[in-house]
């Protein structure tokens, strides 16, 4: 495997959108990703294997805080630890930019993602009842210091 991580760009946006469509019940639109390219607060990292987009992750950098917006890996590539490559990029960005904390929300039922976040030291700080379209609770996490 020949993995490469690069910033989100117009050249890889179709691949990112493909990952999005196969990863989420209520996916973002392609236009939403175009908007993120043009958003000065957004930082997105795209994971490729042999020039095929197989995953991506993003965050918003707001003053001295970070908020993870999405992280996804194509279903055929899951279970290989690739989400850790993307999380490493997000956490490295958090540390290298001296952010005070990094937050995210995740579906209460997404135990695989929750274990991943907890393995990086994220702590539960709350929840949002009926946050998702199917009324599922969002669990809020934060990484500090």
Protein backbone atom coordinates (compact mmCIF):
# COMPACT_ATOMS: atom_id res chain seq x y z
CA UNK A 1 0.00 0.00 0.00
CA UNK A 2 1.21 3.45 -0.89
CA UNK A 3 -0.63 5.95 1.33
CA UNK A 4 -0.36 9.70 0.89
CA UNK A 5 -2.09 12.50 2.79
CA UNK A 6 -2.62 15.87 1.13
CA UNK A 7 -4.91 18.90 1.58
CA UNK A 8 -8.43 18.90 0.16
CA UNK A 9 -8.40 20.45 -3.31
CA UNK A 10 -10.58 20.77 -6.38
CA UNK A 11 -8.58 17.88 -7.89
CA UNK A 12 -9.54 15.37 -5.18
CA UNK A 13 -13.01 16.64 -4.29
CA UNK A 14 -14.84 14.02 -6.39
CA UNK A 15 -13.03 11.26 -4.51
CA UNK A 16 -13.82 12.86 -1.15
CA UNK A 17 -17.48 13.17 -2.13
CA UNK A 18 -17.50 9.47 -3.10
CA UNK A 19 -16.16 8.55 0.36
CA UNK A 20 -18.81 10.78 1.93
CA UNK A 21 -21.64 9.10 0.02
CA UNK A 22 -20.55 5.63 1.13
CA UNK A 23 -19.91 6.63 4.74
CA UNK A 24 -22.84 8.64 6.04
CA UNK A 25 -26.59 8.22 6.28
CA UNK A 26 -27.05 11.96 5.63
CA UNK A 27 -24.02 12.93 3.54
CA UNK A 28 -22.78 16.42 2.88
CA UNK A 29 -23.29 17.73 -0.64
CA UNK A 30 -20.42 18.19 -3.07
CA UNK A 31 -21.05 21.93 -2.79
CA UNK A 32 -20.46 21.72 0.96
CA UNK A 33 -16.95 20.43 0.29
CA UNK A 34 -16.34 23.14 -2.29
CA UNK A 35 -17.42 25.65 0.36
CA UNK A 36 -14.93 24.09 2.79
CA UNK A 37 -12.08 24.59 0.28
CA UNK A 38 -12.99 28.27 0.27
CA UNK A 39 -13.51 28.48 4.05
CA UNK A 40 -10.43 30.08 5.66
CA UNK A 41 -11.25 28.32 8.95
CA UNK A 42 -11.38 24.82 7.42
CA UNK A 43 -8.49 22.35 7.24
CA UNK A 44 -9.10 19.06 5.43
CA UNK A 45 -6.75 16.15 4.90
CA UNK A 46 -7.28 13.58 2.14
CA UNK A 47 -5.93 10.03 2.34
CA UNK A 48 -5.04 8.39 -0.97
CA UNK A 49 -3.78 4.97 -1.97
CA UNK A 50 -2.30 4.71 -5.47
CA UNK A 51 -4.04 8.02 -6.39
CA UNK A 52 -7.45 6.76 -5.20
CA UNK A 53 -9.12 8.79 -2.45
CA UNK A 54 -9.92 6.33 0.33
CA UNK A 55 -10.55 8.67 3.26
CA UNK A 56 -10.58 12.21 4.55
CA UNK A 57 -10.81 14.21 7.76
CA UNK A 58 -11.47 17.84 8.51
CA UNK A 59 -11.57 20.42 11.23
CA UNK A 60 -12.42 24.05 11.73
CA UNK A 61 -9.75 26.21 13.35
CA UNK A 62 -11.56 29.02 15.16
CA UNK A 63 -9.23 31.42 17.01
CA UNK A 64 -7.49 29.01 19.44
CA UNK A 65 -9.96 26.13 19.23
CA UNK A 66 -10.43 23.24 16.83
CA UNK A 67 -13.59 21.33 15.97
CA UNK A 68 -13.43 18.07 14.01
CA UNK A 69 -16.16 18.17 11.38
CA UNK A 70 -15.77 14.79 9.69
CA UNK A 71 -13.59 11.73 9.42
CA UNK A 72 -14.36 8.90 7.02
CA UNK A 73 -12.70 5.95 5.32
CA UNK A 74 -14.15 4.03 2.35
CA UNK A 75 -15.90 0.87 3.56
CA UNK A 76 -13.53 -1.42 1.61
CA UNK A 77 -10.55 0.05 3.50
CA UNK A 78 -11.99 0.04 7.02
CA UNK A 79 -10.54 -2.09 9.79
CA UNK A 80 -6.95 -1.46 8.67
CA UNK A 81 -6.15 1.39 11.06
CA UNK A 82 -6.35 4.04 8.35
CA UNK A 83 -8.55 6.31 10.44
CA UNK A 84 -5.55 6.59 12.77
CA UNK A 85 -3.51 8.11 9.94
CA UNK A 86 -6.19 10.76 9.55
CA UNK A 87 -6.54 11.29 13.31
CA UNK A 88 -2.77 11.72 13.53
CA UNK A 89 -3.03 14.58 11.01
CA UNK A 90 -5.80 16.26 13.00
CA UNK A 91 -4.03 15.87 16.34
CA UNK A 92 -0.71 17.01 14.85
CA UNK A 93 -2.47 20.11 13.50
CA UNK A 94 -4.02 20.71 16.94
CA UNK A 95 -0.63 20.48 18.64
CA UNK A 96 1.43 22.38 16.08
CA UNK A 97 -1.04 25.28 16.10
CA UNK A 98 -1.20 25.40 19.92
CA UNK A 99 -4.97 25.03 20.00
CA UNK A 100 -6.45 25.09 23.50
CA UNK A 101 -8.77 22.18 22.78
CA UNK A 102 -10.20 20.04 20.02
CA UNK A 103 -13.88 19.04 20.06
CA UNK A 104 -16.19 16.78 18.08
CA UNK A 105 -19.56 15.11 18.21
CA UNK A 106 -20.30 11.52 17.22
CA UNK A 107 -23.36 9.30 17.09
CA UNK A 108 -23.92 7.54 20.39
CA UNK A 109 -24.12 4.22 18.51
CA UNK A 110 -20.81 4.67 16.64
CA UNK A 111 -18.72 2.65 19.08
CA UNK A 112 -15.82 2.14 16.66
CA UNK A 113 -15.34 5.90 16.25
CA UNK A 114 -15.82 6.51 19.96
CA UNK A 115 -13.08 4.00 20.84
CA UNK A 116 -10.79 5.69 18.31
CA UNK A 117 -11.35 9.14 19.86
CA UNK A 118 -10.93 7.82 23.39
CA UNK A 119 -7.64 6.15 22.38
CA UNK A 120 -6.34 9.66 21.56
CA UNK A 121 -7.35 10.98 24.98
CA UNK A 122 -10.67 12.58 24.07
CA UNK A 123 -13.04 12.81 27.04
CA UNK A 124 -16.84 12.94 27.02
CA UNK A 125 -18.01 16.44 27.93
CA UNK A 126 -21.73 16.15 27.23
CA UNK A 127 -24.40 15.08 24.82
CA UNK A 128 -27.00 16.53 22.48
CA UNK A 129 -30.28 14.63 22.57
CA UNK A 130 -32.03 14.08 19.23
CA UNK A 131 -29.14 15.77 17.41
CA UNK A 132 -29.18 13.63 14.26
CA UNK A 133 -32.03 13.37 11.75
CA UNK A 134 -33.03 9.97 13.12
CA UNK A 135 -33.21 11.53 16.63
CA UNK A 136 -30.05 9.77 17.78
CA UNK A 137 -28.03 11.41 20.55
CA UNK A 138 -24.68 13.01 19.76
CA UNK A 139 -21.91 12.42 22.29
CA UNK A 140 -19.61 15.44 22.69
CA UNK A 141 -15.89 14.91 23.14
CA UNK A 142 -12.98 17.22 23.89
CA UNK A 143 -9.21 16.87 23.84
CA UNK A 144 -7.37 19.42 25.95
CA UNK A 145 -3.76 20.37 26.52
